[in-house]
C-alpha cells in the first residue's frame, strides 16, 4: 500500500520514460550474456624435473624401510590418511546450504493477526488501481520480453496479482509461482489468475519471503518483482536469491519506487515520512536506493531506467527495467 500526500504537485516531477529496452526476442534466453574467453600464450609442453641424487637415495631408503612387505609401523598409510584429512573440505564449508524458507519467514515476517493481514490485503487490492493505471505503460514494455516466451515465472511479492495480466493467460503456456509473506494475499492472487485465464494447475501461491525462496537453483526462466524490494528486510539477500533461482540467461523484471535525489524537496519529505511509512505499509522504505542495489547485484547486463510517476507524490521517483543473469 502506498501512502498519498498533497505535498508536491505531480506535474513538477513528471517526465517521459527512457525506453531503451531491447525488442522482444524469440527466446527468453537470448540476452547476449557476456562471457570472458581465456587464451593461453604458452604452447610449450611442461618439462618434468628430474629428481636429484640425494632425493633419489632418500626415496629409495624410505621404500626399503617402509615398503609394503617390511613396514610394520604403517608409516605410509598414516601419512596418506593425514594428507587426505588435511586436504578434504567439510561439506558444510564447501557448499553451505541455503537458508530454511520456513525459519526465514518466521524471522523476517513473524505471524501477524489474521484481521491485520486481511485488512492490508484488501486495502492493497482496492487502493492501488490508480497507481496501476499510471505504470501500465512501463509494465507492458518490459513484460513483452517474457509473455509467450517464458515457461516458468516466479513473482516475488505477488500481492493481489496485478502483474499476471501482463505475462500470463490461458494460451501463454506459462507456469507461475507467486511468493508473498502475507498469506491473505492468496485468494486475491488466485482470483486474478482466473480472471486472466491462467489455469489453476499453472499457478501456485507460496507463503514465503524473498530472502529465502523455496525453489531449486536455476529453476525459473524469469523473476518478476514490482514494489517489493522497498519492503524486504535484506535487499542484497533477496537479489542473491533471485540470481540463484534464475536459469542462465534468465531475466529479472522490476518496477520499484526509490529515494529521491539528495537535496530535493521530495527526498526531504521521504526522510520525514519514512518511519511512518514503514509502520503503516508493512515495512516499506521510502529512502532506499534500490536501483543501485540492482546494478551491483552481479547480473551480466542491466537495463535500468528512471521515471517520475505522476500523482504518486513522495513515491514518484521510480526505476524500472530488465536485468539478465
C-alpha atoms as a PDB file:
ATOM      1  CA  UNK A   1       0.000   0.000   0.000  1.00  0.00           C
ATOM      2  CA  UNK A   2       1.422   3.401  -0.964  1.00  0.00           C
ATOM      3  CA  UNK A   3       0.510   6.465   1.055  1.00  0.00           C
ATOM      4  CA  UNK A   4      -0.563   9.539  -0.865  1.00  0.00           C
ATOM      5  CA  UNK A   5       0.431  13.061   0.142  1.00  0.00           C
ATOM      6  CA  UNK A   6      -0.541  16.511  -1.131  1.00  0.00           C
ATOM      7  CA  UNK A   7       2.963  17.907  -0.563  1.00  0.00           C
ATOM      8  CA  UNK A   8       4.077  18.103  -4.172  1.00  0.00           C
ATOM      9  CA  UNK A   9       2.251  18.784  -7.437  1.00  0.00           C
ATOM     10  CA  UNK A  10       2.791  15.834  -9.757  1.00  0.00           C
ATOM     11  CA  UNK A  11       3.452  17.992 -12.787  1.00  0.00           C
ATOM     12  CA  UNK A  12       6.795  19.144 -11.387  1.00  0.00           C
ATOM     13  CA  UNK A  13       8.248  15.646 -11.421  1.00  0.00           C
ATOM     14  CA  UNK A  14       6.609  14.121 -14.488  1.00  0.00           C
ATOM     15  CA  UNK A  15       8.999  13.058 -17.219  1.00  0.00           C
ATOM     16  CA  UNK A  16       8.777  10.704 -20.170  1.00  0.00           C
ATOM     17  CA  UNK A  17      10.489   7.372 -19.526  1.00  0.00           C
ATOM     18  CA  UNK A  18      13.645   6.323 -21.258  1.00  0.00           C
ATOM     19  CA  UNK A  19      12.678   3.363 -23.404  1.00  0.00           C
ATOM     20  CA  UNK A  20      15.999   1.703 -24.041  1.00  0.00           C
ATOM     21  CA  UNK A  21      14.691  -1.833 -23.821  1.00  0.00           C
ATOM     22  CA  UNK A  22      15.687  -4.471 -26.342  1.00  0.00           C
ATOM     23  CA  UNK A  23      12.985  -5.582 -28.707  1.00  0.00           C
ATOM     24  CA  UNK A  24      11.143  -8.732 -27.628  1.00  0.00           C
ATOM     25  CA  UNK A  25      13.196 -11.714 -28.655  1.00  0.00           C
ATOM     26  CA  UNK A  26      12.069 -15.095 -29.894  1.00  0.00           C
ATOM     27  CA  UNK A  27      13.712 -16.880 -26.994  1.00  0.00           C
ATOM     28  CA  UNK A  28      13.925 -15.738 -23.414  1.00  0.00           C
ATOM     29  CA  UNK A  29      17.487 -16.956 -23.083  1.00  0.00           C
ATOM     30  CA  UNK A  30      18.708 -14.828 -25.998  1.00  0.00           C
ATOM     31  CA  UNK A  31      20.064 -11.920 -23.932  1.00  0.00           C
ATOM     32  CA  UNK A  32      23.684 -11.918 -25.068  1.00  0.00           C
ATOM     33  CA  UNK A  33      25.317 -12.912 -21.835  1.00  0.00           C
ATOM     34  CA  UNK A  34      28.860 -11.716 -21.923  1.00  0.00           C
ATOM     35  CA  UNK A  35      31.400 -14.392 -21.292  1.00  0.00           C
ATOM     36  CA  UNK A  36      35.129 -13.937 -20.984  1.00  0.00           C
ATOM     37  CA  UNK A  37      37.484 -16.003 -23.079  1.00  0.00           C
ATOM     38  CA  UNK A  38      40.850 -17.181 -21.956  1.00  0.00           C
ATOM     39  CA  UNK A  39      43.703 -17.740 -24.359  1.00  0.00           C
ATOM     40  CA  UNK A  40      46.923 -19.457 -23.482  1.00  0.00           C
ATOM     41  CA  UNK A  41      50.050 -17.825 -24.891  1.00  0.00           C
ATOM     42  CA  UNK A  42      52.433 -20.547 -23.785  1.00  0.00           C
ATOM     43  CA  UNK A  43      52.161 -23.582 -26.062  1.00  0.00           C
ATOM     44  CA  UNK A  44      55.304 -25.298 -24.856  1.00  0.00           C
ATOM     45  CA  UNK A  45      54.935 -28.654 -23.163  1.00  0.00           C
ATOM     46  CA  UNK A  46      55.750 -28.859 -19.462  1.00  0.00           C
ATOM     47  CA  UNK A  47      59.212 -30.098 -18.512  1.00  0.00           C
ATOM     48  CA  UNK A  48      59.397 -32.636 -15.754  1.00  0.00           C
ATOM     49  CA  UNK A  49      62.147 -32.001 -13.252  1.00  0.00           C
ATOM     50  CA  UNK A  50      64.413 -34.954 -12.722  1.00  0.00           C
ATOM     51  CA  UNK A  51      64.954 -35.893  -9.081  1.00  0.00           C
ATOM     52  CA  UNK A  52      68.352 -35.150  -7.605  1.00  0.00           C
ATOM     53  CA  UNK A  53      70.649 -37.923  -6.466  1.00  0.00           C
ATOM     54  CA  UNK A  54      70.034 -37.068  -2.809  1.00  0.00           C
ATOM     55  CA  UNK A  55      66.287 -37.149  -3.306  1.00  0.00           C
ATOM     56  CA  UNK A  56      66.513 -40.451  -5.141  1.00  0.00           C
ATOM     57  CA  UNK A  57      68.547 -42.033  -2.420  1.00  0.00           C
ATOM     58  CA  UNK A  58      66.135 -40.729   0.247  1.00  0.00           C
ATOM     59  CA  UNK A  59      63.103 -42.144  -1.562  1.00  0.00           C
ATOM     60  CA  UNK A  60      64.813 -45.484  -2.018  1.00  0.00           C
ATOM     61  CA  UNK A  61      65.633 -45.611   1.689  1.00  0.00           C
ATOM     62  CA  UNK A  62      62.009 -44.910   2.641  1.00  0.00           C
ATOM     63  CA  UNK A  63      60.819 -47.525   0.174  1.00  0.00           C
ATOM     64  CA  UNK A  64      63.130 -50.057   1.707  1.00  0.00           C
ATOM     65  CA  UNK A  65      62.352 -49.238   5.328  1.00  0.00           C
ATOM     66  CA  UNK A  66      58.612 -48.820   4.892  1.00  0.00           C
ATOM     67  CA  UNK A  67      57.886 -50.927   1.868  1.00  0.00           C
ATOM     68  CA  UNK A  68      54.648 -52.888   1.625  1.00  0.00           C
ATOM     69  CA  UNK A  69      56.326 -56.077   2.789  1.00  0.00           C
ATOM     70  CA  UNK A  70      58.701 -54.885   5.506  1.00  0.00           C
ATOM     71  CA  UNK A  71      56.854 -51.889   7.071  1.00  0.00           C
ATOM     72  CA  UNK A  72      55.246 -52.866  10.334  1.00  0.00           C
ATOM     73  CA  UNK A  73      54.771 -49.282  11.575  1.00  0.00           C
ATOM     74  CA  UNK A  74      52.234 -48.329   8.901  1.00  0.00           C
ATOM     75  CA  UNK A  75      54.016 -45.037   8.192  1.00  0.00           C
ATOM     76  CA  UNK A  76      52.884 -44.814   4.591  1.00  0.00           C
ATOM     77  CA  UNK A  77      49.251 -45.420   5.498  1.00  0.00           C
ATOM     78  CA  UNK A  78      49.476 -42.880   8.314  1.00  0.00           C
ATOM     79  CA  UNK A  79      50.931 -40.208   6.039  1.00  0.00           C
ATOM     80  CA  UNK A  80      48.262 -40.877   3.420  1.00  0.00           C
ATOM     81  CA  UNK A  81      45.465 -40.656   5.981  1.00  0.00           C
ATOM     82  CA  UNK A  82      46.804 -37.370   7.353  1.00  0.00           C
ATOM     83  CA  UNK A  83      47.088 -35.908   3.846  1.00  0.00           C
ATOM     84  CA  UNK A  84      43.559 -36.952   2.969  1.00  0.00           C
ATOM     85  CA  UNK A  85      42.212 -35.420   6.168  1.00  0.00           C
ATOM     86  CA  UNK A  86      44.054 -32.131   5.686  1.00  0.00           C
ATOM     87  CA  UNK A  87      43.062 -31.749   2.053  1.00  0.00           C
ATOM     88  CA  UNK A  88      39.411 -32.665   2.438  1.00  0.00           C
ATOM     89  CA  UNK A  89      36.868 -29.879   2.969  1.00  0.00           C
ATOM     90  CA  UNK A  90      33.837 -30.481   5.152  1.00  0.00           C
ATOM     91  CA  UNK A  91      30.623 -30.337   3.102  1.00  0.00           C
ATOM     92  CA  UNK A  92      29.201 -27.579   5.309  1.00  0.00           C
ATOM     93  CA  UNK A  93      32.148 -25.339   4.409  1.00  0.00           C
ATOM     94  CA  UNK A  94      32.447 -26.284   0.749  1.00  0.00           C
ATOM     95  CA  UNK A  95      28.790 -25.706  -0.145  1.00  0.00           C
ATOM     96  CA  UNK A  96      26.707 -24.012   2.555  1.00  0.00           C
ATOM     97  CA  UNK A  97      23.071 -24.961   2.449  1.00  0.00           C
ATOM     98  CA  UNK A  98      20.568 -22.207   1.571  1.00  0.00           C
ATOM     99  CA  UNK A  99      18.555 -20.663   4.411  1.00  0.00           C
ATOM    100  CA  UNK A 100      15.479 -22.546   5.542  1.00  0.00           C
ATOM    101  CA  UNK A 101      12.424 -20.823   3.990  1.00  0.00           C
ATOM    102  CA  UNK A 102      10.123 -21.509   6.960  1.00  0.00           C
ATOM    103  CA  UNK A 103      12.660 -20.272   9.503  1.00  0.00           C
ATOM    104  CA  UNK A 104      13.374 -17.145   7.457  1.00  0.00           C
ATOM    105  CA  UNK A 105       9.661 -16.440   7.083  1.00  0.00           C
ATOM    106  CA  UNK A 106       9.120 -16.592  10.847  1.00  0.00           C
ATOM    107  CA  UNK A 107      12.213 -14.483  11.476  1.00  0.00           C
ATOM    108  CA  UNK A 108      11.594 -11.753   8.898  1.00  0.00           C
ATOM    109  CA  UNK A 109       7.799 -11.753   8.840  1.00  0.00           C
ATOM    110  CA  UNK A 110       6.561 -13.118  12.188  1.00  0.00           C
ATOM    111  CA  UNK A 111       2.916 -14.222  12.297  1.00  0.00           C
ATOM    112  CA  UNK A 112       0.508 -11.317  12.402  1.00  0.00           C
ATOM    113  CA  UNK A 113      -3.165 -11.329  13.408  1.00  0.00           C
ATOM    114  CA  UNK A 114      -5.437 -12.526  10.634  1.00  0.00           C
ATOM    115  CA  UNK A 115      -7.506  -9.353  10.791  1.00  0.00           C
ATOM    116  CA  UNK A 116      -4.417  -7.219  10.157  1.00  0.00           C
ATOM    117  CA  UNK A 117      -3.223  -9.261   7.182  1.00  0.00           C
ATOM    118  CA  UNK A 118      -6.732  -9.335   5.711  1.00  0.00           C
ATOM    119  CA  UNK A 119      -7.110  -5.564   6.180  1.00  0.00           C
ATOM    120  CA  UNK A 120      -3.811  -4.887   4.463  1.00  0.00           C
ATOM    121  CA  UNK A 121      -4.554  -7.275   1.590  1.00  0.00           C
ATOM    122  CA  UNK A 122      -7.989  -5.795   0.933  1.00  0.00           C
ATOM    123  CA  UNK A 123      -6.650  -2.234   1.140  1.00  0.00           C
ATOM    124  CA  UNK A 124      -3.940  -3.106  -1.367  1.00  0.00           C
ATOM    125  CA  UNK A 125      -6.472  -4.689  -3.693  1.00  0.00           C
ATOM    126  CA  UNK A 126      -8.764  -1.662  -3.692  1.00  0.00           C
ATOM    127  CA  UNK A 127      -6.300   1.186  -3.210  1.00  0.00           C
ATOM    128  CA  UNK A 128      -3.758   0.528  -5.979  1.00  0.00           C
ATOM    129  CA  UNK A 129      -5.953   0.798  -9.059  1.00  0.00           C
ATOM    130  CA  UNK A 130      -4.997   4.426  -9.775  1.00  0.00           C
ATOM    131  CA  UNK A 131      -1.300   3.679  -9.408  1.00  0.00           C
ATOM    132  CA  UNK A 132      -1.521   0.589 -11.616  1.00  0.00           C
ATOM    133  CA  UNK A 133      -3.122   2.665 -14.363  1.00  0.00           C
ATOM    134  CA  UNK A 134      -0.190   5.097 -14.276  1.00  0.00           C
ATOM    135  CA  UNK A 135       2.540   2.445 -14.536  1.00  0.00           C
ATOM    136  CA  UNK A 136       0.721   0.213 -17.036  1.00  0.00           C
ATOM    137  CA  UNK A 137       2.779   1.525 -19.958  1.00  0.00           C
ATOM    138  CA  UNK A 138       6.093   0.726 -18.295  1.00  0.00           C
ATOM    139  CA  UNK A 139       4.953  -2.726 -17.267  1.00  0.00           C
ATOM    140  CA  UNK A 140       3.640  -3.542 -20.742  1.00  0.00           C
ATOM    141  CA  UNK A 141       7.007  -2.562 -22.180  1.00  0.00           C
ATOM    142  CA  UNK A 142       9.150  -4.829 -20.006  1.00  0.00           C
ATOM    143  CA  UNK A 143       6.739  -7.771 -19.737  1.00  0.00           C
ATOM    144  CA  UNK A 144       6.606  -8.041 -23.516  1.00  0.00           C
ATOM    145  CA  UNK A 145      10.035  -9.682 -23.208  1.00  0.00           C
ATOM    146  CA  UNK A 146       8.615 -12.704 -21.387  1.00  0.00           C
ATOM    147  CA  UNK A 147       4.988 -13.011 -22.464  1.00  0.00           C
ATOM    148  CA  UNK A 148       4.660 -16.172 -24.514  1.00  0.00           C
ATOM    149  CA  UNK A 149       8.380 -16.912 -24.164  1.00  0.00           C
ATOM    150  CA  UNK A 150       8.921 -17.907 -20.522  1.00  0.00           C
ATOM    151  CA  UNK A 151       7.754 -21.333 -19.436  1.00  0.00           C
ATOM    152  CA  UNK A 152       8.270 -20.750 -15.703  1.00  0.00           C
ATOM    153  CA  UNK A 153       7.932 -17.401 -13.920  1.00  0.00           C
ATOM    154  CA  UNK A 154       8.476 -16.609 -10.260  1.00  0.00           C
ATOM    155  CA  UNK A 155       6.917 -13.424  -8.913  1.00  0.00           C
ATOM    156  CA  UNK A 156       8.247 -12.208  -5.570  1.00  0.00           C
ATOM    157  CA  UNK A 157       5.808 -10.128  -3.557  1.00  0.00           C
ATOM    158  CA  UNK A 158       2.962 -11.081  -5.858  1.00  0.00           C
ATOM    159  CA  UNK A 159       0.404  -9.412  -3.582  1.00  0.00           C
ATOM    160  CA  UNK A 160      -3.035  -9.382  -5.166  1.00  0.00           C
ATOM    161  CA  UNK A 161      -1.662 -10.368  -8.585  1.00  0.00           C
ATOM    162  CA  UNK A 162      -1.845  -7.113 -10.617  1.00  0.00           C
ATOM    163  CA  UNK A 163       1.034  -8.197 -12.869  1.00  0.00           C
ATOM    164  CA  UNK A 164      -0.421 -11.503 -14.023  1.00  0.00           C
ATOM    165  CA  UNK A 165      -2.345  -9.922 -16.881  1.00  0.00           C
ATOM    166  CA  UNK A 166       0.908  -8.772 -18.483  1.00  0.00           C
ATOM    167  CA  UNK A 167       2.561 -12.163 -18.847  1.00  0.00           C
ATOM    168  CA  UNK A 168       0.029 -14.932 -18.113  1.00  0.00           C
ATOM    169  CA  UNK A 169      -3.071 -16.149 -19.916  1.00  0.00           C
ATOM    170  CA  UNK A 170      -4.805 -19.368 -20.885  1.00  0.00           C
ATOM    171  CA  UNK A 171      -2.705 -19.732 -24.037  1.00  0.00           C
ATOM    172  CA  UNK A 172       0.610 -18.380 -22.795  1.00  0.00           C
ATOM    173  CA  UNK A 173       1.866 -21.783 -21.683  1.00  0.00           C
ATOM    174  CA  UNK A 174       3.468 -20.352 -18.556  1.00  0.00           C
ATOM    175  CA  UNK A 175       3.562 -21.746 -15.039  1.00  0.00           C
ATOM    176  CA  UNK A 176       3.646 -19.127 -12.287  1.00  0.00           C
ATOM    177  CA  UNK A 177       4.893 -19.315  -8.704  1.00  0.00           C
ATOM    178  CA  UNK A 178       3.727 -16.398  -6.552  1.00  0.00           C
ATOM    179  CA  UNK A 179       5.675 -15.631  -3.366  1.00  0.00           C
ATOM    180  CA  UNK A 180       4.293 -13.425  -0.613  1.00  0.00           C
ATOM    181  CA  UNK A 181       4.743 -13.266   3.185  1.00  0.00           C
ATOM    182  CA  UNK A 182       1.096 -12.260   3.675  1.00  0.00           C
ATOM    183  CA  UNK A 183      -0.953 -15.449   3.395  1.00  0.00           C
ATOM    184  CA  UNK A 184      -4.171 -13.441   2.988  1.00  0.00           C
ATOM    185  CA  UNK A 185      -2.973 -12.331  -0.450  1.00  0.00           C
ATOM    186  CA  UNK A 186      -3.544 -15.841  -1.789  1.00  0.00           C
ATOM    187  CA  UNK A 187      -7.261 -15.595  -2.538  1.00  0.00           C
ATOM    188  CA  UNK A 188      -6.796 -12.269  -4.346  1.00  0.00           C
ATOM    189  CA  UNK A 189      -3.887 -13.607  -6.399  1.00  0.00           C
ATOM    190  CA  UNK A 190      -5.822 -16.763  -7.306  1.00  0.00           C
ATOM    191  CA  UNK A 191      -8.794 -14.660  -8.397  1.00  0.00           C
ATOM    192  CA  UNK A 192      -6.504 -12.509 -10.555  1.00  0.00           C
ATOM    193  CA  UNK A 193      -5.045 -15.646 -12.154  1.00  0.00           C
ATOM    194  CA  UNK A 194      -8.511 -16.931 -13.030  1.00  0.00           C
ATOM    195  CA  UNK A 195      -9.508 -13.531 -14.431  1.00  0.00           C
ATOM    196  CA  UNK A 196      -6.656 -13.589 -16.941  1.00  0.00           C
ATOM    197  CA  UNK A 197      -7.366 -17.185 -17.926  1.00  0.00           C
ATOM    198  CA  UNK A 198      -4.437 -18.807 -16.135  1.00  0.00           C
ATOM    199  CA  UNK A 199      -5.476 -22.391 -15.264  1.00  0.00           C
ATOM    200  CA  UNK A 200      -5.353 -23.221 -11.522  1.00  0.00           C
ATOM    201  CA  UNK A 201      -2.886 -26.026 -12.253  1.00  0.00           C
ATOM    202  CA  UNK A 202      -0.433 -23.447 -13.628  1.00  0.00           C
ATOM    203  CA  UNK A 203      -0.499 -21.082 -10.645  1.00  0.00           C
ATOM    204  CA  UNK A 204       0.865 -21.800  -7.188  1.00  0.00           C
ATOM    205  CA  UNK A 205       0.866 -19.353  -4.279  1.00  0.00           C
ATOM    206  CA  UNK A 206       3.706 -19.906  -1.791  1.00  0.00           C
ATOM    207  CA  UNK A 207       3.819 -18.359   1.674  1.00  0.00           C
ATOM    208  CA  UNK A 208       7.466 -17.236   1.911  1.00  0.00           C
ATOM    209  CA  UNK A 209       9.845 -14.269   1.824  1.00  0.00           C
ATOM    210  CA  UNK A 210      12.151 -13.149  -0.978  1.00  0.00           C
ATOM    211  CA  UNK A 211      15.258 -13.677   1.178  1.00  0.00           C
ATOM    212  CA  UNK A 212      14.690 -17.469   1.201  1.00  0.00           C
ATOM    213  CA  UNK A 213      12.913 -18.689  -1.932  1.00  0.00           C
ATOM    214  CA  UNK A 214      11.695 -22.303  -1.665  1.00  0.00           C
ATOM    215  CA  UNK A 215      12.657 -23.142  -5.249  1.00  0.00           C
ATOM    216  CA  UNK A 216      15.645 -25.074  -6.625  1.00  0.00           C
ATOM    217  CA  UNK A 217      18.667 -23.402  -8.130  1.00  0.00           C
ATOM    218  CA  UNK A 218      18.345 -22.397 -11.811  1.00  0.00           C
ATOM    219  CA  UNK A 219      14.685 -23.442 -11.956  1.00  0.00           C
ATOM    220  CA  UNK A 220      12.838 -20.446 -13.488  1.00  0.00           C
ATOM    221  CA  UNK A 221      13.069 -18.535 -16.766  1.00  0.00           C
ATOM    222  CA  UNK A 222      12.094 -15.160 -15.305  1.00  0.00           C
ATOM    223  CA  UNK A 223      11.620 -13.438 -11.961  1.00  0.00           C
ATOM    224  CA  UNK A 224       9.160 -10.567 -11.573  1.00  0.00           C
ATOM    225  CA  UNK A 225       9.260  -8.026  -8.753  1.00  0.00           C
ATOM    226  CA  UNK A 226       7.292  -4.788  -8.548  1.00  0.00           C
ATOM    227  CA  UNK A 227       7.132  -2.619  -5.428  1.00  0.00           C
ATOM    228  CA  UNK A 228       8.715  -5.392  -3.361  1.00  0.00           C
ATOM    229  CA  UNK A 229      12.375  -4.506  -2.699  1.00  0.00           C
ATOM    230  CA  UNK A 230      11.200  -1.484  -0.725  1.00  0.00           C
ATOM    231  CA  UNK A 231       9.730  -3.861   1.867  1.00  0.00           C
ATOM    232  CA  UNK A 232      12.175  -6.753   2.110  1.00  0.00           C
ATOM    233  CA  UNK A 233      14.369  -6.996   5.181  1.00  0.00           C
ATOM    234  CA  UNK A 234      17.624  -7.545   3.267  1.00  0.00           C
ATOM    235  CA  UNK A 235      17.789  -6.290  -0.327  1.00  0.00           C
ATOM    236  CA  UNK A 236      21.118  -7.937  -1.131  1.00  0.00           C
ATOM    237  CA  UNK A 237      19.965 -11.320   0.179  1.00  0.00           C
ATOM    238  CA  UNK A 238      16.751 -11.090  -1.847  1.00  0.00           C
ATOM    239  CA  UNK A 239      18.683 -10.303  -5.032  1.00  0.00           C
ATOM    240  CA  UNK A 240      21.075 -13.183  -4.383  1.00  0.00           C
ATOM    241  CA  UNK A 241      18.073 -15.483  -4.175  1.00  0.00           C
ATOM    242  CA  UNK A 242      16.762 -14.063  -7.444  1.00  0.00           C
ATOM    243  CA  UNK A 243      20.105 -14.862  -9.070  1.00  0.00           C
ATOM    244  CA  UNK A 244      20.138 -18.343  -7.545  1.00  0.00           C
ATOM    245  CA  UNK A 245      16.756 -19.464  -8.884  1.00  0.00           C
ATOM    246  CA  UNK A 246      17.170 -17.912 -12.343  1.00  0.00           C
ATOM    247  CA  UNK A 247      18.374 -20.114 -15.171  1.00  0.00           C
ATOM    248  CA  UNK A 248      21.491 -18.938 -17.031  1.00  0.00           C
ATOM    249  CA  UNK A 249      20.319 -16.183 -19.353  1.00  0.00           C
ATOM    250  CA  UNK A 250      17.096 -15.732 -17.372  1.00  0.00           C
ATOM    251  CA  UNK A 251      15.508 -12.306 -16.877  1.00  0.00           C
ATOM    252  CA  UNK A 252      14.646 -10.274 -13.799  1.00  0.00           C
ATOM    253  CA  UNK A 253      11.931  -7.684 -14.460  1.00  0.00           C
ATOM    254  CA  UNK A 254      11.437  -4.899 -11.932  1.00  0.00           C
ATOM    255  CA  UNK A 255       9.476  -1.723 -11.181  1.00  0.00           C
ATOM    256  CA  UNK A 256      10.413  -0.095  -7.869  1.00  0.00           C
ATOM    257  CA  UNK A 257       9.921   3.273  -6.182  1.00  0.00           C
ATOM    258  CA  UNK A 258      13.199   4.716  -4.928  1.00  0.00           C
ATOM    259  CA  UNK A 259      14.681   7.566  -2.915  1.00  0.00           C
ATOM    260  CA  UNK A 260      14.601  10.995  -4.494  1.00  0.00           C
ATOM    261  CA  UNK A 261      17.757  12.869  -5.369  1.00  0.00           C
ATOM    262  CA  UNK A 262      19.649  14.255  -2.395  1.00  0.00           C
ATOM    263  CA  UNK A 263      18.858  17.888  -1.727  1.00  0.00           C
ATOM    264  CA  UNK A 264      15.409  17.835  -3.306  1.00  0.00           C
ATOM    265  CA  UNK A 265      12.132  18.509  -1.529  1.00  0.00           C
ATOM    266  CA  UNK A 266      10.978  15.004  -2.432  1.00  0.00           C
ATOM    267  CA  UNK A 267      13.971  13.477  -0.657  1.00  0.00           C
ATOM    268  CA  UNK A 268      13.383  15.649   2.413  1.00  0.00           C
ATOM    269  CA  UNK A 269       9.709  14.637   2.641  1.00  0.00           C
ATOM    270  CA  UNK A 270      10.658  10.980   2.187  1.00  0.00           C
ATOM    271  CA  UNK A 271      13.076  11.194   5.104  1.00  0.00           C
ATOM    272  CA  UNK A 272      10.430  12.731   7.348  1.00  0.00           C
ATOM    273  CA  UNK A 273       7.703  10.224   6.457  1.00  0.00           C
ATOM    274  CA  UNK A 274       9.876   7.099   6.221  1.00  0.00           C
ATOM    275  CA  UNK A 275       9.286   5.847   9.816  1.00  0.00           C
ATOM    276  CA  UNK A 276       5.520   6.259   9.453  1.00  0.00           C
ATOM    277  CA  UNK A 277       5.553   4.549   6.046  1.00  0.00           C
ATOM    278  CA  UNK A 278       7.344   1.531   7.465  1.00  0.00           C
ATOM    279  CA  UNK A 279       4.728   1.247  10.214  1.00  0.00           C
ATOM    280  CA  UNK A 280       1.556   1.547   8.140  1.00  0.00           C
ATOM    281  CA  UNK A 281       2.812  -0.098   4.923  1.00  0.00           C
ATOM    282  CA  UNK A 282       4.257  -3.342   6.263  1.00  0.00           C
ATOM    283  CA  UNK A 283       7.924  -2.314   6.294  1.00  0.00           C
ATOM    284  CA  UNK A 284       8.002  -0.218   3.124  1.00  0.00           C
ATOM    285  CA  UNK A 285      11.059   2.100   2.984  1.00  0.00           C
ATOM    286  CA  UNK A 286      10.863   5.415   1.154  1.00  0.00           C
ATOM    287  CA  UNK A 287      14.599   6.175   1.112  1.00  0.00           C
ATOM    288  CA  UNK A 288      16.130   3.058  -0.443  1.00  0.00           C
ATOM    289  CA  UNK A 289      18.408   3.434  -3.446  1.00  0.00           C
ATOM    290  CA  UNK A 290      17.040   0.249  -4.971  1.00  0.00           C
ATOM    291  CA  UNK A 291      18.419   0.932  -8.444  1.00  0.00           C
ATOM    292  CA  UNK A 292      21.952   0.902  -7.049  1.00  0.00           C
ATOM    293  CA  UNK A 293      21.330  -2.450  -5.344  1.00  0.00           C
ATOM    294  CA  UNK A 294      20.113  -3.998  -8.608  1.00  0.00           C
ATOM    295  CA  UNK A 295      23.004  -2.564 -10.626  1.00  0.00           C
ATOM    296  CA  UNK A 296      25.550  -4.044  -8.209  1.00  0.00           C
ATOM    297  CA  UNK A 297      23.873  -7.441  -7.700  1.00  0.00           C
ATOM    298  CA  UNK A 298      26.076  -9.249 -10.234  1.00  0.00           C
ATOM    299  CA  UNK A 299      23.799  -9.510 -13.267  1.00  0.00           C
ATOM    300  CA  UNK A 300      25.562  -9.820 -16.612  1.00  0.00           C
ATOM    301  CA  UNK A 301      23.537  -6.937 -18.027  1.00  0.00           C
ATOM    302  CA  UNK A 302      21.133  -4.399 -16.502  1.00  0.00           C
ATOM    303  CA  UNK A 303      18.874  -2.030 -18.445  1.00  0.00           C
ATOM    304  CA  UNK A 304      17.676   0.395 -15.775  1.00  0.00           C
ATOM    305  CA  UNK A 305      15.519   3.449 -16.425  1.00  0.00           C
ATOM    306  CA  UNK A 306      14.479   6.330 -14.170  1.00  0.00           C
ATOM    307  CA  UNK A 307      10.966   7.760 -14.348  1.00  0.00           C
ATOM    308  CA  UNK A 308       8.737  10.014 -12.241  1.00  0.00           C
ATOM    309  CA  UNK A 309       5.241   8.616 -11.876  1.00  0.00           C
ATOM    310  CA  UNK A 310       2.558  11.338 -11.900  1.00  0.00           C
ATOM    311  CA  UNK A 311       0.242  11.690  -8.906  1.00  0.00           C
ATOM    312  CA  UNK A 312       2.463   9.428  -6.774  1.00  0.00           C
ATOM    313  CA  UNK A 313       3.880  12.407  -4.856  1.00  0.00           C
ATOM    314  CA  UNK A 314       6.596  11.313  -2.407  1.00  0.00           C
ATOM    315  CA  UNK A 315       6.957   7.892  -4.082  1.00  0.00           C
ATOM    316  CA  UNK A 316       7.101   9.441  -7.539  1.00  0.00           C
ATOM    317  CA  UNK A 317      10.759   8.534  -8.309  1.00  0.00           C
ATOM    318  CA  UNK A 318      10.835   5.047  -9.844  1.00  0.00           C
ATOM    319  CA  UNK A 319      13.269   2.723 -11.560  1.00  0.00           C
ATOM    320  CA  UNK A 320      12.128   0.046 -13.978  1.00  0.00           C
ATOM    321  CA  UNK A 321      13.869  -2.313 -16.346  1.00  0.00           C
ATOM    322  CA  UNK A 322      15.296  -5.744 -17.083  1.00  0.00           C
ATOM    323  CA  UNK A 323      18.369  -7.499 -15.708  1.00  0.00           C
ATOM    324  CA  UNK A 324      19.890 -10.588 -17.303  1.00  0.00           C
ATOM    325  CA  UNK A 325      21.669 -13.329 -15.370  1.00  0.00           C
END
